[in-house]
């Protein structure tokens, strides 16, 4: 597994995570890229501008997480925009990602957090987020974030947990029992998909939340095409898909696409 880390020096959490990673990796063979702009607005991340990314399997963006509630959080998600681009990237375009690696990192993040939480002075919420914000890149990528306010961004112990999670990619091997999938429906922090990602054999890449609906054929095609693995299933958070008319429209579009789908309530979590 060849991976790289990208961050912006003035991004407090990103800088903190990278500093902790450097302490853990005594002989790092992992490219660490310092971006010139804030991470979500750093376009043109490609092998021409960054030759060290040429043979990289996955690019990890280390960054801050912000939320209105300000809950201490450790977050993972794929980047991209289903519609507008208020936070970088391009409208209606998403990044390639890996369902299997996202699942692996989410399980590792939970495992390492539970092992090391005694070192923290507060509790953190471990959560997936739906696909959102920039930058747009053709290199398969994942965001891992520390939040949600400055005290957490500067928390070296929390940053160390994230750094250990990233470093665990050195031991990553694809699990043949995991089933690549995409998610549709639910809120931004995807509580249903959190449980599926953590406790089932389904590996979720891109998630299209309720606030990005109605679903369109291009959205569905991108979610499938921008997942490294062949998608085998679409997981639908039925209750999180709005009114009956919108649910029916999703069902019709999925059936037309030929993609198999399941309602999340039918999956043991």
C-alpha atoms as a PDB file:
ATOM      1  CA  UNK A   1       0.000   0.000   0.000  1.00  0.00           C
ATOM      2  CA  UNK A   2       1.528   3.288  -1.164  1.00  0.00           C
ATOM      3  CA  UNK A   3      -0.037   6.346   0.425  1.00  0.00           C
ATOM      4  CA  UNK A   4       0.710  10.039   0.797  1.00  0.00           C
ATOM      5  CA  UNK A   5      -0.447  12.800   3.133  1.00  0.00           C
ATOM      6  CA  UNK A   6      -1.406  16.327   2.095  1.00  0.00           C
ATOM      7  CA  UNK A   7      -1.999  19.257   4.445  1.00  0.00           C
ATOM      8  CA  UNK A   8      -1.770  23.030   4.694  1.00  0.00           C
ATOM      9  CA  UNK A   9       0.795  24.424   7.104  1.00  0.00           C
ATOM     10  CA  UNK A  10      -1.610  27.035   8.498  1.00  0.00           C
ATOM     11  CA  UNK A  11      -4.342  24.466   9.024  1.00  0.00           C
ATOM     12  CA  UNK A  12      -3.952  23.829  12.746  1.00  0.00           C
ATOM     13  CA  UNK A  13      -5.318  20.299  12.828  1.00  0.00           C
ATOM     14  CA  UNK A  14      -3.571  19.261   9.618  1.00  0.00           C
ATOM     15  CA  UNK A  15      -0.250  20.551  10.893  1.00  0.00           C
ATOM     16  CA  UNK A  16      -0.785  18.850  14.252  1.00  0.00           C
ATOM     17  CA  UNK A  17      -1.617  15.492  12.631  1.00  0.00           C
ATOM     18  CA  UNK A  18       1.435  15.637  10.366  1.00  0.00           C
ATOM     19  CA  UNK A  19       3.736  16.517  13.277  1.00  0.00           C
ATOM     20  CA  UNK A  20       2.459  13.514  15.205  1.00  0.00           C
ATOM     21  CA  UNK A  21       2.847  11.313  12.130  1.00  0.00           C
ATOM     22  CA  UNK A  22       6.481  12.368  11.730  1.00  0.00           C
ATOM     23  CA  UNK A  23       7.154  11.381  15.345  1.00  0.00           C
ATOM     24  CA  UNK A  24       5.706   7.919  14.728  1.00  0.00           C
ATOM     25  CA  UNK A  25       7.343   7.263  11.348  1.00  0.00           C
ATOM     26  CA  UNK A  26      11.067   7.250  12.127  1.00  0.00           C
ATOM     27  CA  UNK A  27      12.060   6.358   8.539  1.00  0.00           C
ATOM     28  CA  UNK A  28       9.133   7.715   6.596  1.00  0.00           C
ATOM     29  CA  UNK A  29       8.760   6.583   3.015  1.00  0.00           C
ATOM     30  CA  UNK A  30       5.435   8.346   2.840  1.00  0.00           C
ATOM     31  CA  UNK A  31       5.322  11.542   0.740  1.00  0.00           C
ATOM     32  CA  UNK A  32       4.086  14.434   2.859  1.00  0.00           C
ATOM     33  CA  UNK A  33       2.892  17.330   0.728  1.00  0.00           C
ATOM     34  CA  UNK A  34       2.537  20.834   2.111  1.00  0.00           C
ATOM     35  CA  UNK A  35      -0.158  22.549   0.073  1.00  0.00           C
ATOM     36  CA  UNK A  36       0.106  26.221  -0.870  1.00  0.00           C
ATOM     37  CA  UNK A  37      -3.577  26.915  -0.234  1.00  0.00           C
ATOM     38  CA  UNK A  38      -6.095  25.787   2.341  1.00  0.00           C
ATOM     39  CA  UNK A  39      -6.749  22.131   1.686  1.00  0.00           C
ATOM     40  CA  UNK A  40     -10.300  22.346   0.328  1.00  0.00           C
ATOM     41  CA  UNK A  41      -9.275  25.047  -2.162  1.00  0.00           C
ATOM     42  CA  UNK A  42      -6.072  23.339  -3.373  1.00  0.00           C
ATOM     43  CA  UNK A  43      -6.834  22.490  -6.975  1.00  0.00           C
ATOM     44  CA  UNK A  44      -4.357  20.983  -9.459  1.00  0.00           C
ATOM     45  CA  UNK A  45      -3.219  18.216  -7.135  1.00  0.00           C
ATOM     46  CA  UNK A  46      -1.849  15.872  -9.764  1.00  0.00           C
ATOM     47  CA  UNK A  47       1.299  13.973 -10.676  1.00  0.00           C
ATOM     48  CA  UNK A  48       2.496  16.810 -12.924  1.00  0.00           C
ATOM     49  CA  UNK A  49       2.566  19.301 -10.060  1.00  0.00           C
ATOM     50  CA  UNK A  50       3.479  16.699  -7.435  1.00  0.00           C
ATOM     51  CA  UNK A  51       5.601  13.956  -9.075  1.00  0.00           C
ATOM     52  CA  UNK A  52       5.889  12.153  -5.724  1.00  0.00           C
ATOM     53  CA  UNK A  53       2.223  11.148  -6.126  1.00  0.00           C
ATOM     54  CA  UNK A  54       2.937   9.091  -9.257  1.00  0.00           C
ATOM     55  CA  UNK A  55       2.681   5.629  -7.683  1.00  0.00           C
ATOM     56  CA  UNK A  56       0.336   6.487  -4.825  1.00  0.00           C
ATOM     57  CA  UNK A  57      -2.671   4.233  -4.169  1.00  0.00           C
ATOM     58  CA  UNK A  58      -4.465   6.674  -1.861  1.00  0.00           C
ATOM     59  CA  UNK A  59      -3.934  10.304  -0.854  1.00  0.00           C
ATOM     60  CA  UNK A  60      -4.902  11.210   2.707  1.00  0.00           C
ATOM     61  CA  UNK A  61      -5.879  14.821   3.385  1.00  0.00           C
ATOM     62  CA  UNK A  62      -5.242  15.762   7.032  1.00  0.00           C
ATOM     63  CA  UNK A  63      -7.388  18.715   8.013  1.00  0.00           C
ATOM     64  CA  UNK A  64      -9.607  20.512  10.491  1.00  0.00           C
ATOM     65  CA  UNK A  65     -13.234  19.643  11.040  1.00  0.00           C
ATOM     66  CA  UNK A  66     -15.663  22.441  11.885  1.00  0.00           C
ATOM     67  CA  UNK A  67     -19.258  22.178  13.037  1.00  0.00           C
ATOM     68  CA  UNK A  68     -21.917  24.466  14.465  1.00  0.00           C
ATOM     69  CA  UNK A  69     -22.358  22.269  17.530  1.00  0.00           C
ATOM     70  CA  UNK A  70     -18.620  22.223  18.170  1.00  0.00           C
ATOM     71  CA  UNK A  71     -18.616  18.566  19.224  1.00  0.00           C
ATOM     72  CA  UNK A  72     -15.113  17.042  19.569  1.00  0.00           C
ATOM     73  CA  UNK A  73     -14.908  14.724  16.570  1.00  0.00           C
ATOM     74  CA  UNK A  74     -12.636  12.508  14.519  1.00  0.00           C
ATOM     75  CA  UNK A  75     -14.067  12.271  11.001  1.00  0.00           C
ATOM     76  CA  UNK A  76     -13.563  10.418   7.735  1.00  0.00           C
ATOM     77  CA  UNK A  77     -15.089  11.002   4.327  1.00  0.00           C
ATOM     78  CA  UNK A  78     -14.580  11.133   0.578  1.00  0.00           C
ATOM     79  CA  UNK A  79     -14.402  14.634  -0.962  1.00  0.00           C
ATOM     80  CA  UNK A  80     -16.484  16.084  -3.772  1.00  0.00           C
ATOM     81  CA  UNK A  81     -19.605  18.080  -4.531  1.00  0.00           C
ATOM     82  CA  UNK A  82     -22.969  16.654  -5.507  1.00  0.00           C
ATOM     83  CA  UNK A  83     -24.236  20.128  -6.391  1.00  0.00           C
ATOM     84  CA  UNK A  84     -22.644  23.521  -5.556  1.00  0.00           C
ATOM     85  CA  UNK A  85     -19.025  24.273  -4.671  1.00  0.00           C
ATOM     86  CA  UNK A  86     -19.161  26.789  -1.827  1.00  0.00           C
ATOM     87  CA  UNK A  87     -16.298  24.916  -0.138  1.00  0.00           C
ATOM     88  CA  UNK A  88     -13.926  24.288  -3.025  1.00  0.00           C
ATOM     89  CA  UNK A  89     -13.852  21.785  -5.837  1.00  0.00           C
ATOM     90  CA  UNK A  90     -16.205  22.041  -8.794  1.00  0.00           C
ATOM     91  CA  UNK A  91     -20.016  21.922  -8.882  1.00  0.00           C
ATOM     92  CA  UNK A  92     -21.392  18.437  -9.373  1.00  0.00           C
ATOM     93  CA  UNK A  93     -18.009  16.696  -9.433  1.00  0.00           C
ATOM     94  CA  UNK A  94     -16.589  14.250  -6.901  1.00  0.00           C
ATOM     95  CA  UNK A  95     -13.177  12.691  -6.305  1.00  0.00           C
ATOM     96  CA  UNK A  96     -12.188   9.075  -6.757  1.00  0.00           C
ATOM     97  CA  UNK A  97     -11.947   7.119  -3.526  1.00  0.00           C
ATOM     98  CA  UNK A  98     -11.741   3.557  -2.216  1.00  0.00           C
ATOM     99  CA  UNK A  99     -14.597   1.824  -0.435  1.00  0.00           C
ATOM    100  CA  UNK A 100     -12.276  -0.800   1.039  1.00  0.00           C
ATOM    101  CA  UNK A 101      -9.698   1.670   2.334  1.00  0.00           C
ATOM    102  CA  UNK A 102     -12.367   3.963   3.776  1.00  0.00           C
ATOM    103  CA  UNK A 103     -13.824   1.021   5.670  1.00  0.00           C
ATOM    104  CA  UNK A 104     -10.384  -0.082   6.856  1.00  0.00           C
ATOM    105  CA  UNK A 105      -9.508   3.405   8.111  1.00  0.00           C
ATOM    106  CA  UNK A 106     -12.856   3.826   9.856  1.00  0.00           C
ATOM    107  CA  UNK A 107     -12.460   0.520  11.664  1.00  0.00           C
ATOM    108  CA  UNK A 108      -8.851   1.356  12.547  1.00  0.00           C
ATOM    109  CA  UNK A 109      -9.803   4.815  13.795  1.00  0.00           C
ATOM    110  CA  UNK A 110     -12.413   3.297  16.113  1.00  0.00           C
ATOM    111  CA  UNK A 111     -10.001   0.592  17.290  1.00  0.00           C
ATOM    112  CA  UNK A 112      -7.095   2.958  17.991  1.00  0.00           C
ATOM    113  CA  UNK A 113      -9.366   5.502  19.656  1.00  0.00           C
ATOM    114  CA  UNK A 114     -10.712   2.839  22.030  1.00  0.00           C
ATOM    115  CA  UNK A 115      -7.169   1.736  22.815  1.00  0.00           C
ATOM    116  CA  UNK A 116      -5.853   5.258  23.452  1.00  0.00           C
ATOM    117  CA  UNK A 117      -8.849   7.206  24.767  1.00  0.00           C
ATOM    118  CA  UNK A 118      -7.451   6.990  28.296  1.00  0.00           C
ATOM    119  CA  UNK A 119      -4.747   9.459  27.157  1.00  0.00           C
ATOM    120  CA  UNK A 120      -7.336  12.097  26.199  1.00  0.00           C
ATOM    121  CA  UNK A 121      -8.817  14.759  28.450  1.00  0.00           C
ATOM    122  CA  UNK A 122     -12.185  14.593  26.667  1.00  0.00           C
ATOM    123  CA  UNK A 123     -14.303  12.201  24.628  1.00  0.00           C
ATOM    124  CA  UNK A 124     -14.443  12.361  20.838  1.00  0.00           C
ATOM    125  CA  UNK A 125     -17.184  11.281  18.468  1.00  0.00           C
ATOM    126  CA  UNK A 126     -15.897   8.970  15.720  1.00  0.00           C
ATOM    127  CA  UNK A 127     -17.940   9.455  12.581  1.00  0.00           C
ATOM    128  CA  UNK A 128     -18.157   9.238   8.820  1.00  0.00           C
ATOM    129  CA  UNK A 129     -19.326  12.278   6.935  1.00  0.00           C
ATOM    130  CA  UNK A 130     -21.084  12.228   3.604  1.00  0.00           C
ATOM    131  CA  UNK A 131     -19.208  13.192   0.440  1.00  0.00           C
ATOM    132  CA  UNK A 132     -18.702  16.953   0.483  1.00  0.00           C
ATOM    133  CA  UNK A 133     -16.332  19.888  -0.273  1.00  0.00           C
ATOM    134  CA  UNK A 134     -13.163  20.249  -2.343  1.00  0.00           C
ATOM    135  CA  UNK A 135     -10.566  19.963  -3.604  1.00  0.00           C
ATOM    136  CA  UNK A 136     -11.166  18.132  -6.857  1.00  0.00           C
ATOM    137  CA  UNK A 137      -8.431  15.680  -7.832  1.00  0.00           C
ATOM    138  CA  UNK A 138      -8.183  12.588  -9.996  1.00  0.00           C
ATOM    139  CA  UNK A 139      -5.998  10.863  -7.396  1.00  0.00           C
ATOM    140  CA  UNK A 140      -8.011   8.514  -5.138  1.00  0.00           C
ATOM    141  CA  UNK A 141      -8.325  10.281  -1.806  1.00  0.00           C
ATOM    142  CA  UNK A 142      -9.875  10.425   1.653  1.00  0.00           C
ATOM    143  CA  UNK A 143     -10.199  13.207   4.226  1.00  0.00           C
ATOM    144  CA  UNK A 144      -9.393  12.494   7.857  1.00  0.00           C
ATOM    145  CA  UNK A 145     -10.245  15.379  10.152  1.00  0.00           C
ATOM    146  CA  UNK A 146      -9.824  16.568  13.723  1.00  0.00           C
ATOM    147  CA  UNK A 147     -12.448  18.879  15.152  1.00  0.00           C
ATOM    148  CA  UNK A 148     -14.523  20.722  15.803  1.00  0.00           C
ATOM    149  CA  UNK A 149     -12.904  23.815  17.399  1.00  0.00           C
ATOM    150  CA  UNK A 150      -9.432  25.153  18.170  1.00  0.00           C
ATOM    151  CA  UNK A 151      -8.900  23.252  21.450  1.00  0.00           C
ATOM    152  CA  UNK A 152      -9.386  19.991  19.530  1.00  0.00           C
ATOM    153  CA  UNK A 153      -7.284  21.111  16.535  1.00  0.00           C
ATOM    154  CA  UNK A 154      -4.374  21.620  18.942  1.00  0.00           C
ATOM    155  CA  UNK A 155      -4.952  18.396  20.899  1.00  0.00           C
ATOM    156  CA  UNK A 156      -1.739  16.441  20.290  1.00  0.00           C
ATOM    157  CA  UNK A 157      -3.126  13.206  21.733  1.00  0.00           C
ATOM    158  CA  UNK A 158      -6.163  13.246  19.453  1.00  0.00           C
ATOM    159  CA  UNK A 159      -3.895  14.093  16.519  1.00  0.00           C
ATOM    160  CA  UNK A 160      -1.701  11.136  17.471  1.00  0.00           C
ATOM    161  CA  UNK A 161      -4.700   8.800  17.234  1.00  0.00           C
ATOM    162  CA  UNK A 162      -5.330  10.051  13.695  1.00  0.00           C
ATOM    163  CA  UNK A 163      -1.618   9.761  12.852  1.00  0.00           C
ATOM    164  CA  UNK A 164      -1.595   6.147  14.061  1.00  0.00           C
ATOM    165  CA  UNK A 165      -4.666   5.473  11.945  1.00  0.00           C
ATOM    166  CA  UNK A 166      -2.955   6.834   8.840  1.00  0.00           C
ATOM    167  CA  UNK A 167       0.245   4.929   9.622  1.00  0.00           C
ATOM    168  CA  UNK A 168      -1.762   1.685   9.879  1.00  0.00           C
ATOM    169  CA  UNK A 169      -2.121   1.845   6.086  1.00  0.00           C
ATOM    170  CA  UNK A 170       1.346   0.280   6.013  1.00  0.00           C
ATOM    171  CA  UNK A 171      -0.363  -2.946   7.090  1.00  0.00           C
ATOM    172  CA  UNK A 172      -3.420  -2.628   4.862  1.00  0.00           C
ATOM    173  CA  UNK A 173      -4.511  -5.607   2.796  1.00  0.00           C
ATOM    174  CA  UNK A 174      -7.820  -5.738   0.892  1.00  0.00           C
ATOM    175  CA  UNK A 175     -10.431  -7.875   2.624  1.00  0.00           C
ATOM    176  CA  UNK A 176     -12.024 -10.171   0.042  1.00  0.00           C
ATOM    177  CA  UNK A 177     -15.107 -10.555   2.238  1.00  0.00           C
ATOM    178  CA  UNK A 178     -15.964  -6.869   2.086  1.00  0.00           C
ATOM    179  CA  UNK A 179     -18.615  -5.772  -0.387  1.00  0.00           C
ATOM    180  CA  UNK A 180     -18.059  -2.362  -2.061  1.00  0.00           C
ATOM    181  CA  UNK A 181     -21.129  -0.139  -1.858  1.00  0.00           C
ATOM    182  CA  UNK A 182     -22.355   3.429  -2.055  1.00  0.00           C
ATOM    183  CA  UNK A 183     -24.864   5.059   0.283  1.00  0.00           C
ATOM    184  CA  UNK A 184     -27.935   7.187  -0.363  1.00  0.00           C
ATOM    185  CA  UNK A 185     -29.919   9.163   2.184  1.00  0.00           C
ATOM    186  CA  UNK A 186     -29.626  10.220   5.781  1.00  0.00           C
ATOM    187  CA  UNK A 187     -28.042  13.255   7.458  1.00  0.00           C
ATOM    188  CA  UNK A 188     -24.534  14.666   7.153  1.00  0.00           C
ATOM    189  CA  UNK A 189     -22.943  12.540   9.873  1.00  0.00           C
ATOM    190  CA  UNK A 190     -24.515   9.371   8.491  1.00  0.00           C
ATOM    191  CA  UNK A 191     -25.327   7.465  11.721  1.00  0.00           C
ATOM    192  CA  UNK A 192     -26.837   4.490   9.885  1.00  0.00           C
ATOM    193  CA  UNK A 193     -23.863   4.189   7.541  1.00  0.00           C
ATOM    194  CA  UNK A 194     -21.490   4.515  10.510  1.00  0.00           C
ATOM    195  CA  UNK A 195     -22.910   1.328  11.984  1.00  0.00           C
ATOM    196  CA  UNK A 196     -22.816  -0.504   8.658  1.00  0.00           C
ATOM    197  CA  UNK A 197     -19.234   0.569   7.964  1.00  0.00           C
ATOM    198  CA  UNK A 198     -18.126  -0.506  11.430  1.00  0.00           C
ATOM    199  CA  UNK A 199     -20.073  -3.715  11.970  1.00  0.00           C
ATOM    200  CA  UNK A 200     -20.936  -5.353   8.631  1.00  0.00           C
ATOM    201  CA  UNK A 201     -19.182  -6.696   5.539  1.00  0.00           C
ATOM    202  CA  UNK A 202     -20.327  -3.731   3.445  1.00  0.00           C
ATOM    203  CA  UNK A 203     -17.638  -1.192   2.552  1.00  0.00           C
ATOM    204  CA  UNK A 204     -19.075   2.242   1.773  1.00  0.00           C
ATOM    205  CA  UNK A 205     -17.364   4.773  -0.469  1.00  0.00           C
ATOM    206  CA  UNK A 206     -19.405   7.804  -1.519  1.00  0.00           C
ATOM    207  CA  UNK A 207     -22.538   8.814   0.384  1.00  0.00           C
ATOM    208  CA  UNK A 208     -25.260  10.999  -1.167  1.00  0.00           C
ATOM    209  CA  UNK A 209     -27.137  12.611   1.764  1.00  0.00           C
ATOM    210  CA  UNK A 210     -30.761  13.618   1.934  1.00  0.00           C
ATOM    211  CA  UNK A 211     -29.902  17.313   1.600  1.00  0.00           C
ATOM    212  CA  UNK A 212     -28.318  16.621  -1.826  1.00  0.00           C
ATOM    213  CA  UNK A 213     -31.400  14.859  -3.192  1.00  0.00           C
ATOM    214  CA  UNK A 214     -33.206  14.505  -5.563  1.00  0.00           C
ATOM    215  CA  UNK A 215     -30.955  11.798  -6.966  1.00  0.00           C
ATOM    216  CA  UNK A 216     -29.928  12.127 -10.601  1.00  0.00           C
ATOM    217  CA  UNK A 217     -28.420   9.670 -13.066  1.00  0.00           C
ATOM    218  CA  UNK A 218     -25.116  11.627 -13.246  1.00  0.00           C
ATOM    219  CA  UNK A 219     -24.820  11.574  -9.446  1.00  0.00           C
ATOM    220  CA  UNK A 220     -25.338   7.825  -9.386  1.00  0.00           C
ATOM    221  CA  UNK A 221     -22.908   7.261 -12.258  1.00  0.00           C
ATOM    222  CA  UNK A 222     -20.228   9.364 -10.583  1.00  0.00           C
ATOM    223  CA  UNK A 223     -20.604   7.558  -7.269  1.00  0.00           C
ATOM    224  CA  UNK A 224     -20.065   4.268  -9.075  1.00  0.00           C
ATOM    225  CA  UNK A 225     -17.312   5.420 -11.430  1.00  0.00           C
ATOM    226  CA  UNK A 226     -15.390   7.313  -8.754  1.00  0.00           C
ATOM    227  CA  UNK A 227     -15.058   4.263  -6.532  1.00  0.00           C
ATOM    228  CA  UNK A 228     -11.855   2.296  -7.181  1.00  0.00           C
ATOM    229  CA  UNK A 229     -13.557  -1.024  -6.607  1.00  0.00           C
ATOM    230  CA  UNK A 230     -16.504  -2.362  -8.592  1.00  0.00           C
ATOM    231  CA  UNK A 231     -19.641  -1.348  -6.725  1.00  0.00           C
ATOM    232  CA  UNK A 232     -21.790  -4.368  -5.936  1.00  0.00           C
ATOM    233  CA  UNK A 233     -24.637  -2.699  -4.057  1.00  0.00           C
ATOM    234  CA  UNK A 234     -26.371   0.581  -3.286  1.00  0.00           C
ATOM    235  CA  UNK A 235     -27.414   0.983   0.349  1.00  0.00           C
ATOM    236  CA  UNK A 236     -30.481   3.178   0.831  1.00  0.00           C
ATOM    237  CA  UNK A 237     -31.329   4.812   4.151  1.00  0.00           C
ATOM    238  CA  UNK A 238     -35.032   4.663   3.319  1.00  0.00           C
ATOM    239  CA  UNK A 239     -36.241   6.789   6.214  1.00  0.00           C
ATOM    240  CA  UNK A 240     -33.546   9.326   5.378  1.00  0.00           C
ATOM    241  CA  UNK A 241     -34.691   9.857   1.789  1.00  0.00           C
ATOM    242  CA  UNK A 242     -37.500  12.323   2.334  1.00  0.00           C
ATOM    243  CA  UNK A 243     -41.090  11.988   1.203  1.00  0.00           C
ATOM    244  CA  UNK A 244     -42.621   9.045  -0.626  1.00  0.00           C
ATOM    245  CA  UNK A 245     -42.372  10.735  -4.039  1.00  0.00           C
ATOM    246  CA  UNK A 246     -38.633  11.157  -3.632  1.00  0.00           C
ATOM    247  CA  UNK A 247     -38.197   7.575  -2.413  1.00  0.00           C
ATOM    248  CA  UNK A 248     -40.110   6.329  -5.435  1.00  0.00           C
ATOM    249  CA  UNK A 249     -37.920   8.404  -7.751  1.00  0.00           C
ATOM    250  CA  UNK A 250     -34.790   6.875  -6.168  1.00  0.00           C
ATOM    251  CA  UNK A 251     -36.174   3.359  -6.581  1.00  0.00           C
ATOM    252  CA  UNK A 252     -37.037   3.945 -10.236  1.00  0.00           C
ATOM    253  CA  UNK A 253     -33.610   5.395 -10.988  1.00  0.00           C
ATOM    254  CA  UNK A 254     -31.798   2.522  -9.272  1.00  0.00           C
ATOM    255  CA  UNK A 255     -33.862  -0.073 -11.109  1.00  0.00           C
ATOM    256  CA  UNK A 256     -33.213   1.697 -14.402  1.00  0.00           C
ATOM    257  CA  UNK A 257     -29.475   1.750 -13.693  1.00  0.00           C
ATOM    258  CA  UNK A 258     -29.389  -2.008 -13.123  1.00  0.00           C
ATOM    259  CA  UNK A 259     -27.662  -1.573  -9.749  1.00  0.00           C
ATOM    260  CA  UNK A 260     -28.795  -3.872  -6.961  1.00  0.00           C
ATOM    261  CA  UNK A 261     -29.929  -2.048  -3.828  1.00  0.00           C
ATOM    262  CA  UNK A 262     -30.922  -2.785  -0.251  1.00  0.00           C
ATOM    263  CA  UNK A 263     -32.627  -0.762   2.429  1.00  0.00           C
ATOM    264  CA  UNK A 264     -30.283  -0.223   5.358  1.00  0.00           C
ATOM    265  CA  UNK A 265     -32.880  -1.464   7.841  1.00  0.00           C
ATOM    266  CA  UNK A 266     -32.467  -4.975   6.381  1.00  0.00           C
ATOM    267  CA  UNK A 267     -28.759  -5.087   7.205  1.00  0.00           C
ATOM    268  CA  UNK A 268     -27.581  -6.450  10.519  1.00  0.00           C
ATOM    269  CA  UNK A 269     -25.459  -3.820  12.242  1.00  0.00           C
END
